Amino acid sequence: MNPGDAPYVILTSKPGVFRTEAGEQAEIIETYDYLCGGRTRAVFSIARLSGPTRLVVTEETPPYVVNRVPSKFLDHFASIEAARRELDHLTRFGGGDTTLTRRAHPVAAEQ
């Protein structure tokens, strides 16, 4: 895969439920907090892939199952703008008291 056509993906973590960590071929570009009713419901990260990788999804409750998910199973976006549009679309579902706030520094997952 050439760096010029590196696809973008959206990684999701839900505090207290599961976290998604980027694999070796994934660079986190931006991270957003999604709040609903004043509570953080999800953390989204947009990552640029430089090649196929596996993402680590870890449950945060017993039995703490760890899954390694191939990046090919995620929706891919040709540009960061396309990934941002999808994230905006995903977080506007249902309207109501929701906000999507970009963090000053990108992070892969909350530890």
Protein backbone atom coordinates (compact mmCIF):
# COMPACT_ATOMS: atom_id res chain seq x y z
CA MET A 1 0.00 0.00 0.00
CA ASN A 2 1.42 3.40 -0.97
CA PRO A 3 1.33 6.12 1.71
CA GLY A 4 -0.47 8.40 -0.77
CA ASP A 5 -3.50 6.09 -0.93
CA ALA A 6 -3.53 5.05 2.71
CA PRO A 7 -7.14 4.52 3.76
CA TYR A 8 -8.60 5.93 6.93
CA VAL A 9 -10.68 4.03 9.48
CA ILE A 10 -12.67 4.99 12.58
CA LEU A 11 -11.83 3.19 15.81
CA THR A 12 -14.37 3.13 18.63
CA SER A 13 -13.91 2.72 22.38
CA LYS A 14 -16.73 2.75 24.92
CA PRO A 15 -15.46 3.64 28.41
CA GLY A 16 -16.22 0.87 30.89
CA VAL A 17 -17.26 -1.51 28.09
CA PHE A 18 -14.38 -1.98 25.63
CA ARG A 19 -11.40 -0.20 24.14
CA THR A 20 -9.90 -0.43 20.68
CA GLU A 21 -6.16 -0.07 20.20
CA ALA A 22 -4.44 0.62 16.89
CA GLY A 23 -2.20 -2.01 15.34
CA GLU A 24 1.34 -1.53 14.06
CA GLN A 25 0.22 -0.23 10.67
CA ALA A 26 -2.26 2.32 12.08
CA GLU A 27 -1.43 5.91 13.00
CA ILE A 28 -4.01 7.76 15.10
CA ILE A 29 -4.64 11.17 13.49
CA GLU A 30 -7.55 12.58 15.51
CA THR A 31 -9.51 11.62 18.63
CA TYR A 32 -13.01 12.74 19.59
CA ASP A 33 -15.14 12.42 22.72
CA TYR A 34 -18.80 11.71 22.09
CA LEU A 35 -21.02 12.92 24.93
CA CYS A 36 -24.72 12.28 25.36
CA GLY A 37 -26.58 13.71 28.32
CA GLY A 38 -23.32 15.09 29.69
CA ARG A 39 -21.65 11.63 29.85
CA THR A 40 -18.90 10.30 27.63
CA ARG A 41 -20.55 7.49 25.69
CA ALA A 42 -17.74 6.77 23.22
CA VAL A 43 -14.27 7.80 22.15
CA PHE A 44 -13.64 7.80 18.40
CA SER A 45 -10.22 7.90 16.76
CA ILE A 46 -9.55 8.38 13.07
CA ALA A 47 -6.53 6.33 12.02
CA ARG A 48 -4.52 6.22 8.80
CA LEU A 49 -3.51 2.71 7.74
CA SER A 50 -0.16 2.14 6.06
CA GLY A 51 -0.94 -1.52 5.50
CA PRO A 52 -3.16 -4.34 6.71
CA THR A 53 -3.13 -4.71 10.48
CA ARG A 54 -5.03 -6.15 13.39
CA LEU A 55 -6.75 -3.93 15.91
CA VAL A 56 -6.92 -5.06 19.52
CA VAL A 57 -10.39 -4.83 21.08
CA THR A 58 -10.35 -5.49 24.82
CA GLU A 59 -13.43 -5.85 26.99
CA GLU A 60 -13.19 -3.83 30.20
CA THR A 61 -15.38 -6.15 32.26
CA PRO A 62 -14.79 -9.79 33.23
CA PRO A 63 -13.80 -12.05 31.59
CA TYR A 64 -11.75 -9.29 29.80
CA VAL A 65 -11.89 -10.95 26.38
CA VAL A 66 -9.30 -9.71 23.89
CA ASN A 67 -10.04 -9.87 20.16
CA ARG A 68 -7.62 -9.11 17.33
CA VAL A 69 -9.74 -7.82 14.47
CA PRO A 70 -8.27 -7.54 10.95
CA SER A 71 -8.52 -3.97 9.64
CA LYS A 72 -10.10 -5.29 6.43
CA PHE A 73 -13.37 -5.70 8.37
CA LEU A 74 -13.64 -1.96 9.12
CA ASP A 75 -15.19 0.63 6.82
CA HIS A 76 -12.40 2.41 4.94
CA PHE A 77 -12.45 6.03 3.82
CA ALA A 78 -10.35 7.53 1.01
CA SER A 79 -9.65 10.75 2.90
CA ILE A 80 -9.68 12.11 6.42
CA GLU A 81 -12.50 14.44 5.36
CA ALA A 82 -14.63 11.44 4.36
CA ALA A 83 -13.93 9.80 7.75
CA ARG A 84 -14.91 13.04 9.52
CA ARG A 85 -18.18 13.21 7.56
CA GLU A 86 -19.00 9.63 8.54
CA LEU A 87 -18.19 10.33 12.18
CA ASP A 88 -20.41 13.41 12.09
CA HIS A 89 -23.20 11.32 10.55
CA LEU A 90 -22.80 8.55 13.16
CA THR A 91 -22.93 10.95 16.09
CA ARG A 92 -25.96 12.91 14.93
CA PHE A 93 -28.21 9.85 15.10
CA GLY A 94 -31.30 10.59 17.15
CA GLY A 95 -30.40 14.25 17.77
CA GLY A 96 -30.88 15.35 21.36
CA ASP A 97 -28.27 16.42 23.87
CA THR A 98 -25.12 15.15 22.11
CA THR A 99 -21.72 16.69 21.42
CA LEU A 100 -18.65 15.56 19.54
CA THR A 101 -15.47 17.27 20.72
CA ARG A 102 -12.04 16.88 19.14
CA ARG A 103 -9.21 16.36 21.62
CA ALA A 104 -6.08 18.50 21.40
CA HIS A 105 -3.93 15.34 21.22
CA PRO A 106 -4.90 12.07 19.51
CA VAL A 107 -4.88 8.87 21.57
CA ALA A 108 -5.33 5.26 20.56
CA ALA A 109 -7.43 4.11 23.53
CA GLU A 110 -8.20 5.00 27.11
CA GLN A 111 -6.22 2.80 29.48
